[in-house]
Amino acid sequence: MSTSNNSPEQSQLGKTSAYQTQYDPSLIFPIPRAEKRAEIGLKIVDGKAINLPFFGMDFWNAYEVSWLNMRGKPQVAIVSVFAPADSPNIVESKSFKLYLNSFNQTKLAGTDALLSLLQTDLSNGFGAPVQVTITPQEQFGKAGFQELDGMLLDRLDIEVDQYSPIPEILHADHSQPAIEETLVSHLLKSNCLVTGQPDWASVQIRYVGAPIDQEALLRYLIGFRNHNEFHEQCVERIFCDIMHYCRPQKLSVYARYTRRGGLDINPWRSNFSTGKMPSNLRSARQ
């Protein structure tokens, strides 16, 4: 699947789209990560970022997934996709939705058949192997909720007058001993890179290092309010800005975005391992 000329403006975002109801993997629209990564100062060689300062995952959850069994009866499920941060592409979210809707009138032998198609097609789209899980209807009642843990930055009574990111305000007190801290805000809002539609999120920042000024960090996060970027790009920008201006020894940034078009996208970027990935349990707003 060639992505050399795929730009966000060429995708189906903001355009009237005819919904295909028969399986069509060609609807998936990959967008290379490299251009936006170059914008935040990451090194690009042959169209791909190298020596990434983080590893991580994009957790996708799709709540509007349906197909027909072999007798024509509709089936429904929740699909979760785990795409590695070092994959060369993201998949544009509207194309993801159009692709999923192409199963609506497609007969499949069962969830294993669906899983096989999703695994193959989405791995091709992201340009790297992805993991896919399917939660069938009979397991919906087991799906739980979980809020991000950490000290709430939103408790701070600050005055705000800037609604574009100003990374220069970030700072840490390097005269103090290193601490381990987890901070959370529910005030992250950005806008779709193409359509300008609002994207709402909660964000969790874990770090080990000099104490980060919490008021400055909250102002910085609120500064994304008028910023146009995809979810994954916002999280990588936050990670790189904190690393550059605060210089923590360890850092992870995890954002849980509310769903649009039946999809939520939840990027996680980290430079240290605790031996496990963050939970993919949805929050109350999702």
Protein backbone atom coordinates (compact mmCIF):
# COMPACT_ATOMS: atom_id res chain seq x y z
CA MET A 1 0.00 0.00 0.00
CA SER A 2 1.78 3.14 -1.18
CA THR A 3 1.56 6.19 1.08
CA SER A 4 4.13 8.45 -0.57
CA ASN A 5 1.53 10.99 -1.69
CA ASN A 6 -1.01 10.51 1.10
CA SER A 7 -1.66 13.78 2.88
CA PRO A 8 -4.51 14.55 5.30
CA GLU A 9 -6.08 16.89 2.74
CA GLN A 10 -6.41 13.98 0.28
CA SER A 11 -8.36 11.86 2.77
CA GLN A 12 -12.15 11.70 3.11
CA LEU A 13 -12.13 14.08 6.08
CA GLY A 14 -14.62 16.91 5.62
CA LYS A 15 -15.95 15.44 2.37
CA THR A 16 -19.26 13.86 1.49
CA SER A 17 -18.66 10.11 1.37
CA ALA A 18 -20.68 7.28 -0.08
CA TYR A 19 -20.87 4.51 2.50
CA GLN A 20 -19.86 1.13 1.13
CA THR A 21 -21.67 -1.78 2.79
CA GLN A 22 -19.63 -4.57 1.22
CA TYR A 23 -16.15 -5.37 2.45
CA ASP A 24 -13.58 -3.03 0.89
CA PRO A 25 -10.06 -2.81 2.38
CA SER A 26 -9.08 -0.15 -0.16
CA LEU A 27 -11.03 2.37 1.95
CA ILE A 28 -8.21 2.46 4.51
CA PHE A 29 -6.23 5.70 4.05
CA PRO A 30 -2.73 5.63 5.61
CA ILE A 31 -0.93 8.89 6.37
CA PRO A 32 2.84 8.79 7.00
CA ARG A 33 3.86 9.89 10.49
CA ALA A 34 7.17 11.33 9.25
CA GLU A 35 6.09 14.84 8.24
CA LYS A 36 4.63 15.77 11.61
CA ARG A 37 7.50 14.09 13.43
CA ALA A 38 9.95 16.21 11.45
CA GLU A 39 7.98 19.27 12.55
CA ILE A 40 8.68 18.53 16.22
CA GLY A 41 12.37 17.97 15.55
CA LEU A 42 12.62 14.19 15.18
CA LYS A 43 15.17 12.85 12.70
CA ILE A 44 13.74 11.58 9.40
CA VAL A 45 15.71 9.33 7.03
CA ASP A 46 14.19 7.98 3.82
CA GLY A 47 10.75 9.17 4.87
CA LYS A 48 10.82 7.48 8.28
CA ALA A 49 11.68 8.75 11.76
CA ILE A 50 14.70 7.07 13.29
CA ASN A 51 16.03 6.98 16.85
CA LEU A 52 12.63 7.82 18.27
CA PRO A 53 12.87 9.24 21.82
CA PHE A 54 9.87 7.15 22.83
CA PHE A 55 8.10 3.86 22.26
CA GLY A 56 4.39 3.31 22.69
CA MET A 57 1.07 2.37 21.24
CA ASP A 58 -2.08 3.86 19.74
CA PHE A 59 -5.12 2.21 21.31
CA TRP A 60 -8.15 2.36 19.01
CA ASN A 61 -11.63 1.27 20.13
CA ALA A 62 -14.46 0.88 17.61
CA TYR A 63 -17.99 0.69 18.97
CA GLU A 64 -19.93 0.63 15.69
CA VAL A 65 -18.87 -2.72 14.22
CA SER A 66 -21.41 -4.99 12.57
CA TRP A 67 -21.54 -7.72 9.93
CA LEU A 68 -23.85 -10.55 8.83
CA ASN A 69 -23.52 -14.19 9.80
CA MET A 70 -23.84 -16.81 7.08
CA ARG A 71 -27.61 -16.82 7.49
CA GLY A 72 -27.83 -13.05 7.02
CA LYS A 73 -28.41 -12.15 10.67
CA PRO A 74 -26.60 -8.99 11.86
CA GLN A 75 -23.85 -9.37 14.44
CA VAL A 76 -22.29 -6.64 16.60
CA ALA A 77 -19.04 -6.37 18.53
CA ILE A 78 -16.51 -3.93 19.95
CA VAL A 79 -13.14 -3.98 18.22
CA SER A 80 -9.89 -2.80 19.80
CA VAL A 81 -6.76 -2.20 17.73
CA PHE A 82 -3.27 -1.74 19.15
CA ALA A 83 -0.93 -0.03 16.66
CA PRO A 84 2.76 0.43 17.56
CA ALA A 85 4.09 3.97 17.74
CA ASP A 86 7.01 3.02 15.49
CA SER A 87 4.73 2.04 12.62
CA PRO A 88 5.39 4.28 9.61
CA ASN A 89 1.74 5.35 9.23
CA ILE A 90 -1.34 6.36 11.08
CA VAL A 91 -4.72 5.47 9.60
CA GLU A 92 -6.98 8.45 9.01
CA SER A 93 -9.98 7.99 11.32
CA LYS A 94 -12.78 8.62 8.83
CA SER A 95 -11.29 6.07 6.45
CA PHE A 96 -11.15 3.66 9.39
CA LYS A 97 -14.87 4.24 9.97
CA LEU A 98 -15.71 3.82 6.27
CA TYR A 99 -13.70 0.60 6.21
CA LEU A 100 -15.52 -0.79 9.25
CA ASN A 101 -18.88 0.14 7.74
CA SER A 102 -17.99 -1.85 4.63
CA PHE A 103 -18.64 -4.97 6.73
CA ASN A 104 -22.26 -3.98 7.40
CA GLN A 105 -23.76 -6.17 4.65
CA THR A 106 -20.87 -8.61 4.39
CA LYS A 107 -21.43 -12.25 5.38
CA LEU A 108 -18.70 -13.76 7.53
CA ALA A 109 -18.35 -17.20 9.06
CA GLY A 110 -17.72 -15.77 12.53
CA THR A 111 -15.54 -13.52 14.66
CA ASP A 112 -12.40 -15.44 13.66
CA ALA A 113 -13.04 -14.53 10.02
CA LEU A 114 -13.56 -10.89 10.98
CA LEU A 115 -10.43 -10.90 13.14
CA SER A 116 -8.31 -12.29 10.30
CA LEU A 117 -9.44 -9.60 7.87
CA LEU A 118 -8.99 -6.78 10.38
CA GLN A 119 -5.53 -7.99 11.38
CA THR A 120 -4.33 -8.19 7.78
CA ASP A 121 -5.90 -5.00 6.45
CA LEU A 122 -4.98 -2.77 9.39
CA SER A 123 -1.43 -4.09 9.56
CA ASN A 124 -1.12 -3.15 5.88
CA GLY A 125 -2.55 0.30 6.62
CA PHE A 126 -0.30 1.09 9.58
CA GLY A 127 2.65 -0.49 7.79
CA ALA A 128 3.47 -2.73 10.75
CA PRO A 129 1.81 -5.63 12.56
CA VAL A 130 -1.09 -4.57 14.77
CA GLN A 131 -2.94 -6.50 17.43
CA VAL A 132 -6.73 -6.74 17.19
CA THR A 133 -9.17 -7.97 19.81
CA ILE A 134 -12.92 -8.46 19.46
CA THR A 135 -15.37 -8.16 22.36
CA PRO A 136 -18.54 -10.05 21.38
CA GLN A 137 -22.03 -9.01 22.43
CA GLU A 138 -22.24 -11.52 25.29
CA GLN A 139 -19.21 -9.92 26.95
CA PHE A 140 -20.40 -6.29 26.81
CA GLY A 141 -21.48 -6.40 30.45
CA LYS A 142 -17.91 -7.07 31.52
CA ALA A 143 -16.58 -3.89 29.94
CA GLY A 144 -15.51 -1.57 32.74
CA PHE A 145 -14.61 2.07 33.26
CA GLN A 146 -11.45 3.51 34.76
CA GLU A 147 -10.30 7.08 35.22
CA LEU A 148 -6.64 8.02 34.81
CA ASP A 149 -4.90 8.09 38.18
CA GLY A 150 -2.71 10.95 39.33
CA MET A 151 -2.73 14.39 40.93
CA LEU A 152 -5.33 16.59 39.24
CA LEU A 153 -3.80 19.66 37.61
CA ASP A 154 -7.28 21.09 37.05
CA ARG A 155 -7.50 21.93 40.78
CA LEU A 156 -5.18 24.88 40.15
CA ASP A 157 -6.91 28.28 40.02
CA ILE A 158 -4.98 29.87 37.17
CA GLU A 159 -5.61 32.67 34.73
CA VAL A 160 -5.37 31.67 31.08
CA ASP A 161 -5.22 33.91 28.00
CA GLN A 162 -3.27 31.77 25.50
CA TYR A 163 -4.95 28.99 23.52
CA SER A 164 -2.10 27.87 21.28
CA PRO A 165 0.79 25.78 22.62
CA ILE A 166 3.66 27.77 24.10
CA PRO A 167 6.24 25.16 25.07
CA GLU A 168 8.68 27.80 26.30
CA ILE A 169 6.63 28.27 29.47
CA LEU A 170 7.39 24.70 30.58
CA HIS A 171 10.09 24.41 33.22
CA ALA A 172 11.28 22.28 36.12
CA ASP A 173 13.20 23.19 39.27
CA HIS A 174 16.54 21.45 38.80
CA SER A 175 17.79 22.76 42.15
CA GLN A 176 15.45 20.25 43.81
CA PRO A 177 15.94 16.48 44.11
CA ALA A 178 14.29 14.30 41.50
CA ILE A 179 10.77 13.14 42.29
CA GLU A 180 8.38 10.59 40.82
CA GLU A 181 5.02 12.12 40.00
CA THR A 182 1.85 11.40 38.04
CA LEU A 183 -0.24 14.35 36.87
CA VAL A 184 -3.64 14.33 35.17
CA SER A 185 -5.77 16.91 33.36
CA HIS A 186 -9.18 16.59 31.77
CA LEU A 187 -8.84 19.96 30.01
CA LEU A 188 -6.96 18.86 26.90
CA LYS A 189 -8.77 19.91 23.75
CA SER A 190 -7.35 20.04 20.25
CA ASN A 191 -8.91 20.24 16.80
CA CYS A 192 -8.87 17.93 13.80
CA LEU A 193 -6.00 18.83 11.49
CA VAL A 194 -8.29 18.98 8.43
CA THR A 195 -11.86 19.76 9.54
CA GLY A 196 -11.17 21.79 12.68
CA GLN A 197 -13.71 19.74 14.62
CA PRO A 198 -13.00 19.63 18.36
CA ASP A 199 -11.28 16.63 19.94
CA TRP A 200 -11.61 16.25 23.72
CA ALA A 201 -9.26 14.29 25.95
CA SER A 202 -7.92 13.50 29.38
CA VAL A 203 -4.14 13.29 29.64
CA GLN A 204 -1.86 11.57 32.14
CA ILE A 205 1.80 12.55 32.53
CA ARG A 206 4.15 10.30 34.52
CA TYR A 207 7.71 11.40 35.08
CA VAL A 208 10.82 10.99 37.20
CA GLY A 209 12.98 14.10 37.42
CA ALA A 210 13.17 17.62 38.72
CA PRO A 211 9.74 18.87 39.89
CA ILE A 212 7.82 20.27 36.92
CA ASP A 213 6.00 23.55 37.50
CA GLN A 214 2.38 22.41 37.56
CA GLU A 215 0.78 25.76 36.74
CA ALA A 216 2.97 26.16 33.67
CA LEU A 217 2.20 22.60 32.60
CA LEU A 218 -1.55 23.17 32.91
CA ARG A 219 -1.33 26.42 30.91
CA TYR A 220 0.67 24.57 28.27
CA LEU A 221 -1.92 21.79 27.98
CA ILE A 222 -4.80 24.26 27.80
CA GLY A 223 -2.82 25.95 25.03
CA PHE A 224 -3.79 23.12 22.67
CA ARG A 225 -7.37 24.40 22.70
CA ASN A 226 -7.09 26.07 19.28
CA HIS A 227 -4.35 23.77 17.95
CA ASN A 228 -5.00 21.65 14.84
CA GLU A 229 -3.36 18.22 14.89
CA PHE A 230 -4.35 14.58 15.01
CA HIS A 231 -4.47 12.89 18.42
CA GLU A 232 -1.23 10.96 17.94
CA GLN A 233 0.62 14.09 16.85
CA CYS A 234 -0.57 16.11 19.86
CA VAL A 235 0.66 13.47 22.30
CA GLU A 236 4.05 13.25 20.61
CA ARG A 237 4.34 17.04 20.66
CA ILE A 238 3.54 17.10 24.39
CA PHE A 239 6.10 14.38 25.06
CA CYS A 240 8.88 16.10 23.09
CA ASP A 241 8.16 19.55 24.56
CA ILE A 242 8.27 18.27 28.14
CA MET A 243 11.48 16.37 27.44
CA HIS A 244 13.11 19.41 25.86
CA TYR A 245 12.12 22.05 28.42
CA CYS A 246 11.91 20.01 31.65
CA ARG A 247 14.48 17.27 30.96
CA PRO A 248 12.96 14.48 33.09
CA GLN A 249 14.87 11.22 33.38
CA LYS A 250 11.72 9.23 32.65
CA LEU A 251 8.51 10.34 30.97
CA SER A 252 5.28 8.90 29.67
CA VAL A 253 2.29 10.72 28.18
CA TYR A 254 -1.06 8.97 27.75
CA ALA A 255 -4.21 10.60 26.38
CA ARG A 256 -7.73 9.18 26.32
CA TYR A 257 -9.73 11.00 23.62
CA THR A 258 -13.52 10.93 23.47
CA ARG A 259 -14.99 9.08 20.53
CA ARG A 260 -16.03 10.52 17.19
CA GLY A 261 -17.73 8.45 14.53
CA GLY A 262 -17.87 5.50 16.90
CA LEU A 263 -14.07 5.53 17.37
CA ASP A 264 -11.82 6.64 20.18
CA ILE A 265 -8.05 6.94 19.74
CA ASN A 266 -5.78 6.84 22.78
CA PRO A 267 -2.05 7.43 22.15
CA TRP A 268 0.60 6.46 24.70
CA ARG A 269 4.26 7.47 24.43
CA SER A 270 6.97 6.57 26.96
CA ASN A 271 10.74 6.32 27.31
CA PHE A 272 10.67 3.81 30.18
CA SER A 273 9.00 0.50 30.83
CA THR A 274 7.05 -0.59 33.87
CA GLY A 275 6.63 -4.04 32.37
CA LYS A 276 3.12 -3.42 31.10
CA MET A 277 1.13 -1.08 28.87
CA PRO A 278 -1.50 1.29 30.29
CA SER A 279 -5.01 -0.02 30.71
CA ASN A 280 -7.31 0.35 27.71
CA LEU A 281 -10.40 0.69 29.94
CA ARG A 282 -12.49 3.65 28.82
CA SER A 283 -13.15 6.68 30.99
CA ALA A 284 -16.55 8.09 31.87
CA ARG A 285 -16.38 10.60 29.00
CA GLN A 286 -15.70 7.89 26.47
